[in-house]
Amino acid sequence: MTANPGELEAVGDAVGQSVSAEVTGRSPTRIAFDRLRKDKVAVGCATIMLVMVVLAALAPVIAGALDIYYDIKDPAAPSPSEVLEFDGYPAIGPPLHPFTWEHPLGLAPKTGVDNLAYLLYGLRTSLIVALAATIFSTVIGLVIGLVAGFSRGWVDTVLSFIIDLFLSFPFLLGMLALAPILISNAGNDLDKLARAQFIALISILVIFGWMGLARLIRGQVLSLREREFIQAAEVIGVPTRRILFKELLPNMVAPIVVAISLALPGFVAAEALLSFLGLGLTGTPSLGKMLADAAPYYKDYALYLWMPVATIATLTLALNLLGDSIRDAFDPKTRR
């Protein structure tokens, strides 16, 4: 049986559409996001992070709705004598009294502030510090890495030496040396001191947090600058700034995203460590400050200590696992 020309043409169109649909390409970024959507670990960690960010952002709203306070200086907050017993432990709620919805996580000894309110405000502070440090250190690392990798001669040598110098300097020693200097002008003004500590902490984290990304970007640029499209741009006279930020930078989205996703948990842990040691925030609620306040009560009031520990552990674990998933998703050699 012989097919007529009209049927053959219809079959040819259908086959052509099928082939074109099969060969439709996807960008590397689209492939990476498709992998992330299929990764249950990534979706779960992203959900946890979203919940924590929402809770931190809505801390004042939640505290106001529940009528709880993180600062005894608040005019509406009850005085310590109203909520504490003679020994300084809470008069209501754990550890000596049954659970109450008025203070779901209990009250802090000695001060009587609500632990839930303090935890929410502390989470907000820690996330702000980590996010600000990540943004500033990423920008500095990108610029220095791009310039060092694309430059030749003494510029690359000097910038590489600066990167190695900062990498060799002890982080805690730098904090011990620079923190008193940065807050020395605050005087006895508590509000000014809190602002100075906040700025000093972010500054320290940025000063000692940009080198890893700078070295990574420098290595990427060293391999990309010999590619044909970069050499062609140089031959036709494209300005160096345009080559750096229009040609090289878009080709390094994957390592930059991975570096950011892994830097955030590091800065969260660093802020908690420094505040716990008394080198970070002492007048502003933070997870590290809550951990330091709760340490003396680990035997009699375990909940007071485990609240910030569990929050820090959950936050850093979710960020680390999400960072690993992002790294695998953007890795062209990975097929999951």
C-alpha atoms as a PDB file:
ATOM      1  CA  MET A   1       0.000   0.000   0.000  1.00  0.00           C
ATOM      2  CA  THR A   2       1.480   3.372  -1.072  1.00  0.00           C
ATOM      3  CA  ALA A   3       1.065   6.425   1.183  1.00  0.00           C
ATOM      4  CA  ASN A   4      -0.043   9.650  -0.431  1.00  0.00           C
ATOM      5  CA  PRO A   5       2.193  12.745  -0.274  1.00  0.00           C
ATOM      6  CA  GLY A   6      -0.032  14.474   2.305  1.00  0.00           C
ATOM      7  CA  GLU A   7       0.346  11.651   4.830  1.00  0.00           C
ATOM      8  CA  LEU A   8       4.118  11.547   4.323  1.00  0.00           C
ATOM      9  CA  GLU A   9       4.351  15.292   4.927  1.00  0.00           C
ATOM     10  CA  ALA A  10       2.314  15.002   8.166  1.00  0.00           C
ATOM     11  CA  VAL A  11       4.494  12.166   9.399  1.00  0.00           C
ATOM     12  CA  GLY A  12       7.619  14.170   8.565  1.00  0.00           C
ATOM     13  CA  ASP A  13       6.342  17.199  10.483  1.00  0.00           C
ATOM     14  CA  ALA A  14       5.551  15.051  13.534  1.00  0.00           C
ATOM     15  CA  VAL A  15       9.005  13.452  13.468  1.00  0.00           C
ATOM     16  CA  GLY A  16      10.648  16.855  13.074  1.00  0.00           C
ATOM     17  CA  GLN A  17       8.758  18.270  16.040  1.00  0.00           C
ATOM     18  CA  SER A  18       9.668  15.227  18.139  1.00  0.00           C
ATOM     19  CA  VAL A  19      13.342  15.500  17.239  1.00  0.00           C
ATOM     20  CA  SER A  20      13.387  19.253  17.903  1.00  0.00           C
ATOM     21  CA  ALA A  21      11.741  18.674  21.288  1.00  0.00           C
ATOM     22  CA  GLU A  22      14.337  16.051  22.167  1.00  0.00           C
ATOM     23  CA  VAL A  23      17.325  18.196  21.232  1.00  0.00           C
ATOM     24  CA  THR A  24      16.067  21.327  22.982  1.00  0.00           C
ATOM     25  CA  GLY A  25      19.001  22.387  25.132  1.00  0.00           C
ATOM     26  CA  ARG A  26      19.045  23.563  28.752  1.00  0.00           C
ATOM     27  CA  SER A  27      21.486  25.968  30.312  1.00  0.00           C
ATOM     28  CA  PRO A  28      23.840  24.691  33.042  1.00  0.00           C
ATOM     29  CA  THR A  29      21.990  26.845  35.573  1.00  0.00           C
ATOM     30  CA  ARG A  30      18.644  25.321  34.571  1.00  0.00           C
ATOM     31  CA  ILE A  31      20.118  21.825  34.876  1.00  0.00           C
ATOM     32  CA  ALA A  32      21.491  22.663  38.338  1.00  0.00           C
ATOM     33  CA  PHE A  33      18.145  23.962  39.585  1.00  0.00           C
ATOM     34  CA  ASP A  34      16.356  20.929  38.168  1.00  0.00           C
ATOM     35  CA  ARG A  35      18.742  18.737  40.147  1.00  0.00           C
ATOM     36  CA  LEU A  36      18.117  20.744  43.304  1.00  0.00           C
ATOM     37  CA  ARG A  37      14.356  20.400  42.952  1.00  0.00           C
ATOM     38  CA  LYS A  38      14.735  16.628  42.767  1.00  0.00           C
ATOM     39  CA  ASP A  39      17.104  16.503  45.747  1.00  0.00           C
ATOM     40  CA  LYS A  40      15.049  15.784  48.871  1.00  0.00           C
ATOM     41  CA  VAL A  41      17.896  16.804  51.180  1.00  0.00           C
ATOM     42  CA  ALA A  42      18.230  20.161  49.441  1.00  0.00           C
ATOM     43  CA  VAL A  43      14.471  20.780  49.541  1.00  0.00           C
ATOM     44  CA  GLY A  44      14.283  19.838  53.231  1.00  0.00           C
ATOM     45  CA  CYS A  45      17.246  22.030  54.201  1.00  0.00           C
ATOM     46  CA  ALA A  46      15.899  24.938  52.156  1.00  0.00           C
ATOM     47  CA  THR A  47      12.557  24.576  53.939  1.00  0.00           C
ATOM     48  CA  ILE A  48      14.263  24.623  57.340  1.00  0.00           C
ATOM     49  CA  MET A  49      16.222  27.719  56.348  1.00  0.00           C
ATOM     50  CA  LEU A  50      13.090  29.454  55.087  1.00  0.00           C
ATOM     51  CA  VAL A  51      11.277  28.746  58.362  1.00  0.00           C
ATOM     52  CA  MET A  52      14.201  30.088  60.406  1.00  0.00           C
ATOM     53  CA  VAL A  53      14.484  33.216  58.286  1.00  0.00           C
ATOM     54  CA  VAL A  54      10.752  33.896  58.608  1.00  0.00           C
ATOM     55  CA  LEU A  55      10.863  33.385  62.390  1.00  0.00           C
ATOM     56  CA  ALA A  56      13.858  35.707  62.678  1.00  0.00           C
ATOM     57  CA  ALA A  57      12.299  38.366  60.461  1.00  0.00           C
ATOM     58  CA  LEU A  58       9.003  38.243  62.384  1.00  0.00           C
ATOM     59  CA  ALA A  59      10.626  38.168  65.839  1.00  0.00           C
ATOM     60  CA  PRO A  60       9.047  41.488  66.973  1.00  0.00           C
ATOM     61  CA  VAL A  61       5.629  40.421  65.649  1.00  0.00           C
ATOM     62  CA  ILE A  62       5.761  37.017  67.340  1.00  0.00           C
ATOM     63  CA  ALA A  63       7.016  38.467  70.613  1.00  0.00           C
ATOM     64  CA  GLY A  64       4.301  41.112  70.580  1.00  0.00           C
ATOM     65  CA  ALA A  65       1.565  38.587  69.788  1.00  0.00           C
ATOM     66  CA  LEU A  66       2.667  36.270  72.614  1.00  0.00           C
ATOM     67  CA  ASP A  67       3.336  39.180  75.004  1.00  0.00           C
ATOM     68  CA  ILE A  68       6.899  38.004  75.696  1.00  0.00           C
ATOM     69  CA  TYR A  69      10.037  40.130  76.028  1.00  0.00           C
ATOM     70  CA  TYR A  70      13.740  39.625  75.485  1.00  0.00           C
ATOM     71  CA  ASP A  71      14.870  42.673  77.481  1.00  0.00           C
ATOM     72  CA  ILE A  72      13.963  43.512  81.058  1.00  0.00           C
ATOM     73  CA  LYS A  73      14.477  47.191  80.217  1.00  0.00           C
ATOM     74  CA  ASP A  74      11.341  47.077  78.088  1.00  0.00           C
ATOM     75  CA  PRO A  75       8.676  49.145  79.930  1.00  0.00           C
ATOM     76  CA  ALA A  76       6.042  46.463  79.358  1.00  0.00           C
ATOM     77  CA  ALA A  77       8.251  43.605  80.566  1.00  0.00           C
ATOM     78  CA  PRO A  78       7.685  42.255  84.098  1.00  0.00           C
ATOM     79  CA  SER A  79      10.366  42.994  86.645  1.00  0.00           C
ATOM     80  CA  PRO A  80      12.662  40.096  87.637  1.00  0.00           C
ATOM     81  CA  SER A  81      11.138  40.012  91.128  1.00  0.00           C
ATOM     82  CA  GLU A  82       7.730  39.213  89.604  1.00  0.00           C
ATOM     83  CA  VAL A  83       8.832  36.129  87.659  1.00  0.00           C
ATOM     84  CA  LEU A  84      11.854  34.857  89.608  1.00  0.00           C
ATOM     85  CA  GLU A  85      12.197  33.097  92.937  1.00  0.00           C
ATOM     86  CA  PHE A  86      14.617  34.150  95.653  1.00  0.00           C
ATOM     87  CA  ASP A  87      17.378  31.910  94.243  1.00  0.00           C
ATOM     88  CA  GLY A  88      17.142  33.500  90.792  1.00  0.00           C
ATOM     89  CA  TYR A  89      15.367  30.596  89.061  1.00  0.00           C
ATOM     90  CA  PRO A  90      12.033  31.080  87.248  1.00  0.00           C
ATOM     91  CA  ALA A  91       8.949  31.140  89.454  1.00  0.00           C
ATOM     92  CA  ILE A  92       6.876  29.709  86.585  1.00  0.00           C
ATOM     93  CA  GLY A  93       7.739  27.171  83.932  1.00  0.00           C
ATOM     94  CA  PRO A  94      10.798  24.902  83.788  1.00  0.00           C
ATOM     95  CA  PRO A  95      13.037  23.778  85.356  1.00  0.00           C
ATOM     96  CA  LEU A  96      11.236  23.848  88.753  1.00  0.00           C
ATOM     97  CA  HIS A  97       7.620  24.224  87.599  1.00  0.00           C
ATOM     98  CA  PRO A  98       5.334  22.627  84.987  1.00  0.00           C
ATOM     99  CA  PHE A  99       5.187  23.734  81.368  1.00  0.00           C
ATOM    100  CA  THR A 100       3.149  26.849  80.623  1.00  0.00           C
ATOM    101  CA  TRP A 101       2.037  28.388  77.324  1.00  0.00           C
ATOM    102  CA  GLU A 102       2.735  31.847  78.731  1.00  0.00           C
ATOM    103  CA  HIS A 103       6.447  31.078  78.377  1.00  0.00           C
ATOM    104  CA  PRO A 104       6.790  27.991  76.145  1.00  0.00           C
ATOM    105  CA  LEU A 105      10.568  27.755  76.536  1.00  0.00           C
ATOM    106  CA  GLY A 106      10.743  29.082  80.084  1.00  0.00           C
ATOM    107  CA  LEU A 107      12.485  32.130  81.536  1.00  0.00           C
ATOM    108  CA  ALA A 108      16.163  32.961  81.866  1.00  0.00           C
ATOM    109  CA  PRO A 109      17.617  32.742  85.389  1.00  0.00           C
ATOM    110  CA  LYS A 110      18.732  35.978  87.085  1.00  0.00           C
ATOM    111  CA  THR A 111      17.145  38.218  84.428  1.00  0.00           C
ATOM    112  CA  GLY A 112      13.692  36.689  83.907  1.00  0.00           C
ATOM    113  CA  VAL A 113      13.573  37.420  80.159  1.00  0.00           C
ATOM    114  CA  ASP A 114      11.566  35.032  78.008  1.00  0.00           C
ATOM    115  CA  ASN A 115      13.781  32.410  76.372  1.00  0.00           C
ATOM    116  CA  LEU A 116      11.642  32.144  73.235  1.00  0.00           C
ATOM    117  CA  ALA A 117      11.772  35.897  72.627  1.00  0.00           C
ATOM    118  CA  TYR A 118      15.520  35.986  73.263  1.00  0.00           C
ATOM    119  CA  LEU A 119      16.029  32.997  70.946  1.00  0.00           C
ATOM    120  CA  LEU A 120      14.096  34.648  68.110  1.00  0.00           C
ATOM    121  CA  TYR A 121      15.952  37.947  68.442  1.00  0.00           C
ATOM    122  CA  GLY A 122      19.258  36.107  68.809  1.00  0.00           C
ATOM    123  CA  LEU A 123      18.554  34.119  65.659  1.00  0.00           C
ATOM    124  CA  ARG A 124      17.792  37.336  63.791  1.00  0.00           C
ATOM    125  CA  THR A 125      21.049  38.938  64.951  1.00  0.00           C
ATOM    126  CA  SER A 126      23.133  35.889  64.040  1.00  0.00           C
ATOM    127  CA  LEU A 127      21.569  35.674  60.573  1.00  0.00           C
ATOM    128  CA  ILE A 128      22.090  39.404  59.939  1.00  0.00           C
ATOM    129  CA  VAL A 129      25.740  39.185  60.998  1.00  0.00           C
ATOM    130  CA  ALA A 130      26.372  36.073  58.898  1.00  0.00           C
ATOM    131  CA  LEU A 131      24.583  37.494  55.843  1.00  0.00           C
ATOM    132  CA  ALA A 132      26.358  40.858  56.027  1.00  0.00           C
ATOM    133  CA  ALA A 133      29.755  39.206  56.487  1.00  0.00           C
ATOM    134  CA  THR A 134      29.044  36.862  53.570  1.00  0.00           C
ATOM    135  CA  ILE A 135      28.040  39.692  51.228  1.00  0.00           C
ATOM    136  CA  PHE A 136      31.016  41.939  52.021  1.00  0.00           C
ATOM    137  CA  SER A 137      33.577  39.128  52.018  1.00  0.00           C
ATOM    138  CA  THR A 138      32.184  37.808  48.731  1.00  0.00           C
ATOM    139  CA  VAL A 139      32.478  41.186  47.042  1.00  0.00           C
ATOM    140  CA  ILE A 140      36.040  41.702  48.295  1.00  0.00           C
ATOM    141  CA  GLY A 141      37.086  38.161  47.402  1.00  0.00           C
ATOM    142  CA  LEU A 142      35.568  38.461  43.923  1.00  0.00           C
ATOM    143  CA  VAL A 143      37.268  41.738  43.086  1.00  0.00           C
ATOM    144  CA  ILE A 144      40.682  40.725  44.410  1.00  0.00           C
ATOM    145  CA  GLY A 145      40.472  37.262  42.837  1.00  0.00           C
ATOM    146  CA  LEU A 146      39.469  38.658  39.454  1.00  0.00           C
ATOM    147  CA  VAL A 147      42.216  41.280  39.437  1.00  0.00           C
ATOM    148  CA  ALA A 148      44.894  38.890  40.712  1.00  0.00           C
ATOM    149  CA  GLY A 149      44.001  36.145  38.234  1.00  0.00           C
ATOM    150  CA  PHE A 150      43.717  38.394  35.184  1.00  0.00           C
ATOM    151  CA  SER A 151      46.736  40.550  35.946  1.00  0.00           C
ATOM    152  CA  ARG A 152      50.230  39.498  35.108  1.00  0.00           C
ATOM    153  CA  GLY A 153      53.502  40.390  36.764  1.00  0.00           C
ATOM    154  CA  TRP A 154      53.853  42.304  39.993  1.00  0.00           C
ATOM    155  CA  VAL A 155      50.112  42.937  40.545  1.00  0.00           C
ATOM    156  CA  ASP A 156      49.360  39.222  40.738  1.00  0.00           C
ATOM    157  CA  THR A 157      52.421  38.663  42.921  1.00  0.00           C
ATOM    158  CA  VAL A 158      51.461  41.374  45.417  1.00  0.00           C
ATOM    159  CA  LEU A 159      47.815  40.336  45.647  1.00  0.00           C
ATOM    160  CA  SER A 160      48.729  36.661  46.026  1.00  0.00           C
ATOM    161  CA  PHE A 161      51.138  37.578  48.819  1.00  0.00           C
ATOM    162  CA  ILE A 162      48.389  39.551  50.592  1.00  0.00           C
ATOM    163  CA  ILE A 163      46.013  36.590  50.302  1.00  0.00           C
ATOM    164  CA  ASP A 164      48.609  34.206  51.736  1.00  0.00           C
ATOM    165  CA  LEU A 165      49.461  36.683  54.495  1.00  0.00           C
ATOM    166  CA  PHE A 166      45.859  36.924  55.685  1.00  0.00           C
ATOM    167  CA  LEU A 167      45.424  33.159  55.429  1.00  0.00           C
ATOM    168  CA  SER A 168      48.410  32.626  57.710  1.00  0.00           C
ATOM    169  CA  PHE A 169      47.200  35.039  60.393  1.00  0.00           C
ATOM    170  CA  PRO A 170      45.369  33.367  63.340  1.00  0.00           C
ATOM    171  CA  PHE A 171      41.682  34.293  63.367  1.00  0.00           C
ATOM    172  CA  LEU A 172      41.176  34.339  67.154  1.00  0.00           C
ATOM    173  CA  LEU A 173      44.378  36.279  67.706  1.00  0.00           C
ATOM    174  CA  GLY A 174      43.197  38.873  65.219  1.00  0.00           C
ATOM    175  CA  MET A 175      39.853  39.138  67.003  1.00  0.00           C
ATOM    176  CA  LEU A 176      41.557  39.522  70.368  1.00  0.00           C
ATOM    177  CA  ALA A 177      43.772  42.288  69.001  1.00  0.00           C
ATOM    178  CA  LEU A 178      41.307  44.189  66.827  1.00  0.00           C
ATOM    179  CA  ALA A 179      38.057  43.968  68.798  1.00  0.00           C
ATOM    180  CA  PRO A 180      39.196  46.267  71.659  1.00  0.00           C
ATOM    181  CA  ILE A 181      40.580  48.748  69.124  1.00  0.00           C
ATOM    182  CA  LEU A 182      37.379  48.899  67.097  1.00  0.00           C
ATOM    183  CA  ILE A 183      35.161  49.471  70.160  1.00  0.00           C
ATOM    184  CA  SER A 184      37.567  51.685  72.133  1.00  0.00           C
ATOM    185  CA  ASN A 185      35.685  54.874  71.231  1.00  0.00           C
ATOM    186  CA  ALA A 186      32.315  53.599  72.451  1.00  0.00           C
ATOM    187  CA  GLY A 187      32.905  54.704  76.045  1.00  0.00           C
ATOM    188  CA  ASN A 188      30.223  53.891  78.614  1.00  0.00           C
ATOM    189  CA  ASP A 189      27.261  54.475  76.312  1.00  0.00           C
ATOM    190  CA  LEU A 190      25.622  51.019  76.121  1.00  0.00           C
ATOM    191  CA  ASP A 191      23.768  51.705  72.875  1.00  0.00           C
ATOM    192  CA  LYS A 192      26.909  53.052  71.231  1.00  0.00           C
ATOM    193  CA  LEU A 193      28.872  50.096  72.588  1.00  0.00           C
ATOM    194  CA  ALA A 194      26.347  47.636  71.142  1.00  0.00           C
ATOM    195  CA  ARG A 195      26.576  49.293  67.711  1.00  0.00           C
ATOM    196  CA  ALA A 196      30.366  49.333  67.897  1.00  0.00           C
ATOM    197  CA  GLN A 197      30.466  45.633  68.801  1.00  0.00           C
ATOM    198  CA  PHE A 198      28.076  44.808  65.962  1.00  0.00           C
ATOM    199  CA  ILE A 199      30.192  46.678  63.399  1.00  0.00           C
ATOM    200  CA  ALA A 200      33.422  45.310  64.861  1.00  0.00           C
ATOM    201  CA  LEU A 201      32.193  41.716  64.683  1.00  0.00           C
ATOM    202  CA  ILE A 202      31.146  42.019  61.034  1.00  0.00           C
ATOM    203  CA  SER A 203      34.422  43.782  60.215  1.00  0.00           C
ATOM    204  CA  ILE A 204      36.497  41.034  61.806  1.00  0.00           C
ATOM    205  CA  LEU A 205      34.561  38.303  60.012  1.00  0.00           C
ATOM    206  CA  VAL A 206      35.003  40.115  56.689  1.00  0.00           C
ATOM    207  CA  ILE A 207      38.706  40.838  57.237  1.00  0.00           C
ATOM    208  CA  PHE A 208      39.432  37.165  57.829  1.00  0.00           C
ATOM    209  CA  GLY A 209      36.751  35.678  55.553  1.00  0.00           C
ATOM    210  CA  TRP A 210      37.458  36.816  51.986  1.00  0.00           C
ATOM    211  CA  MET A 211      40.710  34.966  51.235  1.00  0.00           C
ATOM    212  CA  GLY A 212      39.294  31.542  50.397  1.00  0.00           C
ATOM    213  CA  LEU A 213      36.984  32.910  47.708  1.00  0.00           C
ATOM    214  CA  ALA A 214      39.742  35.176  46.346  1.00  0.00           C
ATOM    215  CA  ARG A 215      42.072  32.213  45.901  1.00  0.00           C
ATOM    216  CA  LEU A 216      39.295  30.158  44.285  1.00  0.00           C
ATOM    217  CA  ILE A 217      38.370  32.927  41.835  1.00  0.00           C
ATOM    218  CA  ARG A 218      42.022  33.573  41.003  1.00  0.00           C
ATOM    219  CA  GLY A 219      42.480  29.927  40.060  1.00  0.00           C
ATOM    220  CA  GLN A 220      39.351  29.988  37.890  1.00  0.00           C
ATOM    221  CA  VAL A 221      40.473  33.157  36.122  1.00  0.00           C
ATOM    222  CA  LEU A 222      43.941  31.716  35.447  1.00  0.00           C
ATOM    223  CA  SER A 223      42.324  28.916  33.452  1.00  0.00           C
ATOM    224  CA  LEU A 224      39.691  31.061  31.744  1.00  0.00           C
ATOM    225  CA  ARG A 225      41.943  33.903  30.627  1.00  0.00           C
ATOM    226  CA  GLU A 226      43.646  31.622  28.082  1.00  0.00           C
ATOM    227  CA  ARG A 227      40.351  30.703  26.411  1.00  0.00           C
ATOM    228  CA  GLU A 228      39.642  31.889  22.886  1.00  0.00           C
ATOM    229  CA  PHE A 229      36.760  34.218  23.790  1.00  0.00           C
ATOM    230  CA  ILE A 230      38.922  36.121  26.314  1.00  0.00           C
ATOM    231  CA  GLN A 231      41.846  36.402  23.905  1.00  0.00           C
ATOM    232  CA  ALA A 232      39.488  37.592  21.189  1.00  0.00           C
ATOM    233  CA  ALA A 233      38.073  40.248  23.510  1.00  0.00           C
ATOM    234  CA  GLU A 234      41.589  41.473  24.291  1.00  0.00           C
ATOM    235  CA  VAL A 235      42.543  41.575  20.598  1.00  0.00           C
ATOM    236  CA  ILE A 236      39.568  43.723  19.591  1.00  0.00           C
ATOM    237  CA  GLY A 237      40.271  46.150  22.440  1.00  0.00           C
ATOM    238  CA  VAL A 238      37.494  45.390  24.931  1.00  0.00           C
ATOM    239  CA  PRO A 239      38.184  47.314  28.189  1.00  0.00           C
ATOM    240  CA  THR A 240      39.635  45.251  31.024  1.00  0.00           C
ATOM    241  CA  ARG A 241      36.746  46.076  33.344  1.00  0.00           C
ATOM    242  CA  ARG A 242      34.258  44.753  30.813  1.00  0.00           C
ATOM    243  CA  ILE A 243      36.284  41.569  30.324  1.00  0.00           C
ATOM    244  CA  LEU A 244      36.386  40.981  34.082  1.00  0.00           C
ATOM    245  CA  PHE A 245      32.735  41.607  34.868  1.00  0.00           C
ATOM    246  CA  LYS A 246      31.003  40.813  31.560  1.00  0.00           C
ATOM    247  CA  GLU A 247      33.058  37.929  30.203  1.00  0.00           C
ATOM    248  CA  LEU A 248      34.801  36.210  33.123  1.00  0.00           C
ATOM    249  CA  LEU A 249      32.363  36.706  36.001  1.00  0.00           C
ATOM    250  CA  PRO A 250      29.311  35.085  34.315  1.00  0.00           C
ATOM    251  CA  ASN A 251      31.397  31.962  33.719  1.00  0.00           C
ATOM    252  CA  MET A 252      32.090  31.586  37.454  1.00  0.00           C
ATOM    253  CA  VAL A 253      28.537  31.638  38.791  1.00  0.00           C
ATOM    254  CA  ALA A 254      28.724  28.018  39.953  1.00  0.00           C
ATOM    255  CA  PRO A 255      31.807  28.320  42.223  1.00  0.00           C
ATOM    256  CA  ILE A 256      30.570  31.645  43.566  1.00  0.00           C
ATOM    257  CA  VAL A 257      27.163  30.213  44.520  1.00  0.00           C
ATOM    258  CA  VAL A 258      28.831  27.227  46.155  1.00  0.00           C
ATOM    259  CA  ALA A 259      31.277  29.446  48.058  1.00  0.00           C
ATOM    260  CA  ILE A 260      28.432  31.621  49.368  1.00  0.00           C
ATOM    261  CA  SER A 261      26.388  28.614  50.452  1.00  0.00           C
ATOM    262  CA  LEU A 262      29.362  27.255  52.402  1.00  0.00           C
ATOM    263  CA  ALA A 263      30.429  30.622  53.851  1.00  0.00           C
ATOM    264  CA  LEU A 264      27.096  31.299  55.570  1.00  0.00           C
ATOM    265  CA  PRO A 265      27.272  28.388  58.061  1.00  0.00           C
ATOM    266  CA  GLY A 266      30.899  29.215  58.777  1.00  0.00           C
ATOM    267  CA  PHE A 267      30.025  32.780  59.718  1.00  0.00           C
ATOM    268  CA  VAL A 268      27.073  31.631  61.841  1.00  0.00           C
ATOM    269  CA  ALA A 269      29.358  29.318  63.810  1.00  0.00           C
ATOM    270  CA  ALA A 270      32.078  31.990  64.037  1.00  0.00           C
ATOM    271  CA  GLU A 271      29.635  34.569  65.419  1.00  0.00           C
ATOM    272  CA  ALA A 272      28.393  32.093  68.022  1.00  0.00           C
ATOM    273  CA  LEU A 273      31.943  31.182  69.018  1.00  0.00           C
ATOM    274  CA  LEU A 274      33.127  34.770  69.351  1.00  0.00           C
ATOM    275  CA  SER A 275      30.042  35.887  71.286  1.00  0.00           C
ATOM    276  CA  PHE A 276      30.371  32.840  73.553  1.00  0.00           C
ATOM    277  CA  LEU A 277      33.986  33.839  74.285  1.00  0.00           C
ATOM    278  CA  GLY A 278      32.925  37.424  75.005  1.00  0.00           C
ATOM    279  CA  LEU A 279      34.717  38.767  71.931  1.00  0.00           C
ATOM    280  CA  GLY A 280      31.611  39.416  69.865  1.00  0.00           C
ATOM    281  CA  LEU A 281      28.241  40.770  70.966  1.00  0.00           C
ATOM    282  CA  THR A 282      27.735  41.306  74.681  1.00  0.00           C
ATOM    283  CA  GLY A 283      24.916  43.879  74.682  1.00  0.00           C
ATOM    284  CA  THR A 284      22.830  42.503  71.797  1.00  0.00           C
ATOM    285  CA  PRO A 285      20.834  39.242  71.756  1.00  0.00           C
ATOM    286  CA  SER A 286      22.598  36.544  69.763  1.00  0.00           C
ATOM    287  CA  LEU A 287      22.816  32.773  69.789  1.00  0.00           C
ATOM    288  CA  GLY A 288      26.382  32.895  71.043  1.00  0.00           C
ATOM    289  CA  LYS A 289      25.483  35.326  73.832  1.00  0.00           C
ATOM    290  CA  MET A 290      22.608  33.072  74.907  1.00  0.00           C
ATOM    291  CA  LEU A 291      24.961  30.108  74.899  1.00  0.00           C
ATOM    292  CA  ALA A 292      27.418  31.977  77.105  1.00  0.00           C
ATOM    293  CA  ASP A 293      24.663  33.014  79.540  1.00  0.00           C
ATOM    294  CA  ALA A 294      23.330  29.447  79.755  1.00  0.00           C
ATOM    295  CA  ALA A 295      26.675  27.686  80.273  1.00  0.00           C
ATOM    296  CA  PRO A 296      26.718  28.079  84.106  1.00  0.00           C
ATOM    297  CA  TYR A 297      23.296  26.417  84.378  1.00  0.00           C
ATOM    298  CA  TYR A 298      23.950  23.281  82.318  1.00  0.00           C
ATOM    299  CA  LYS A 299      23.337  20.972  85.320  1.00  0.00           C
ATOM    300  CA  ASP A 300      20.199  22.494  86.850  1.00  0.00           C
ATOM    301  CA  TYR A 301      18.586  24.021  83.755  1.00  0.00           C
ATOM    302  CA  ALA A 302      19.615  21.925  80.744  1.00  0.00           C
ATOM    303  CA  LEU A 303      16.847  23.353  78.540  1.00  0.00           C
ATOM    304  CA  TYR A 304      18.335  26.832  78.841  1.00  0.00           C
ATOM    305  CA  LEU A 305      21.605  25.552  77.340  1.00  0.00           C
ATOM    306  CA  TRP A 306      20.220  23.157  74.742  1.00  0.00           C
ATOM    307  CA  MET A 307      17.948  25.732  73.095  1.00  0.00           C
ATOM    308  CA  PRO A 308      20.784  27.781  71.523  1.00  0.00           C
ATOM    309  CA  VAL A 309      22.874  24.644  70.950  1.00  0.00           C
ATOM    310  CA  ALA A 310      20.047  22.956  69.021  1.00  0.00           C
ATOM    311  CA  THR A 311      19.311  26.123  67.048  1.00  0.00           C
ATOM    312  CA  ILE A 312      22.959  26.632  66.058  1.00  0.00           C
ATOM    313  CA  ALA A 313      23.362  22.938  65.189  1.00  0.00           C
ATOM    314  CA  THR A 314      20.187  22.871  63.082  1.00  0.00           C
ATOM    315  CA  LEU A 315      21.059  26.106  61.315  1.00  0.00           C
ATOM    316  CA  THR A 316      24.654  25.156  60.475  1.00  0.00           C
ATOM    317  CA  LEU A 317      23.732  21.587  59.515  1.00  0.00           C
ATOM    318  CA  ALA A 318      20.970  22.766  57.179  1.00  0.00           C
ATOM    319  CA  LEU A 319      23.275  25.329  55.582  1.00  0.00           C
ATOM    320  CA  ASN A 320      26.120  22.838  55.179  1.00  0.00           C
ATOM    321  CA  LEU A 321      23.898  20.149  53.646  1.00  0.00           C
ATOM    322  CA  LEU A 322      22.300  22.725  51.370  1.00  0.00           C
ATOM    323  CA  GLY A 323      25.766  23.904  50.358  1.00  0.00           C
ATOM    324  CA  ASP A 324      26.817  20.336  49.561  1.00  0.00           C
ATOM    325  CA  SER A 325      23.692  19.856  47.457  1.00  0.00           C
ATOM    326  CA  ILE A 326      24.326  23.104  45.580  1.00  0.00           C
ATOM    327  CA  ARG A 327      27.935  22.095  44.973  1.00  0.00           C
ATOM    328  CA  ASP A 328      26.852  18.718  43.561  1.00  0.00           C
ATOM    329  CA  ALA A 329      24.104  20.296  41.464  1.00  0.00           C
ATOM    330  CA  PHE A 330      26.474  22.794  39.823  1.00  0.00           C
ATOM    331  CA  ASP A 331      29.225  20.216  39.292  1.00  0.00           C
ATOM    332  CA  PRO A 332      29.078  19.186  35.599  1.00  0.00           C
ATOM    333  CA  LYS A 333      30.723  15.853  36.436  1.00  0.00           C
ATOM    334  CA  THR A 334      27.899  14.883  38.806  1.00  0.00           C
ATOM    335  CA  ARG A 335      24.984  12.880  37.458  1.00  0.00           C
ATOM    336  CA  ARG A 336      22.372  12.252  40.135  1.00  0.00           C
END
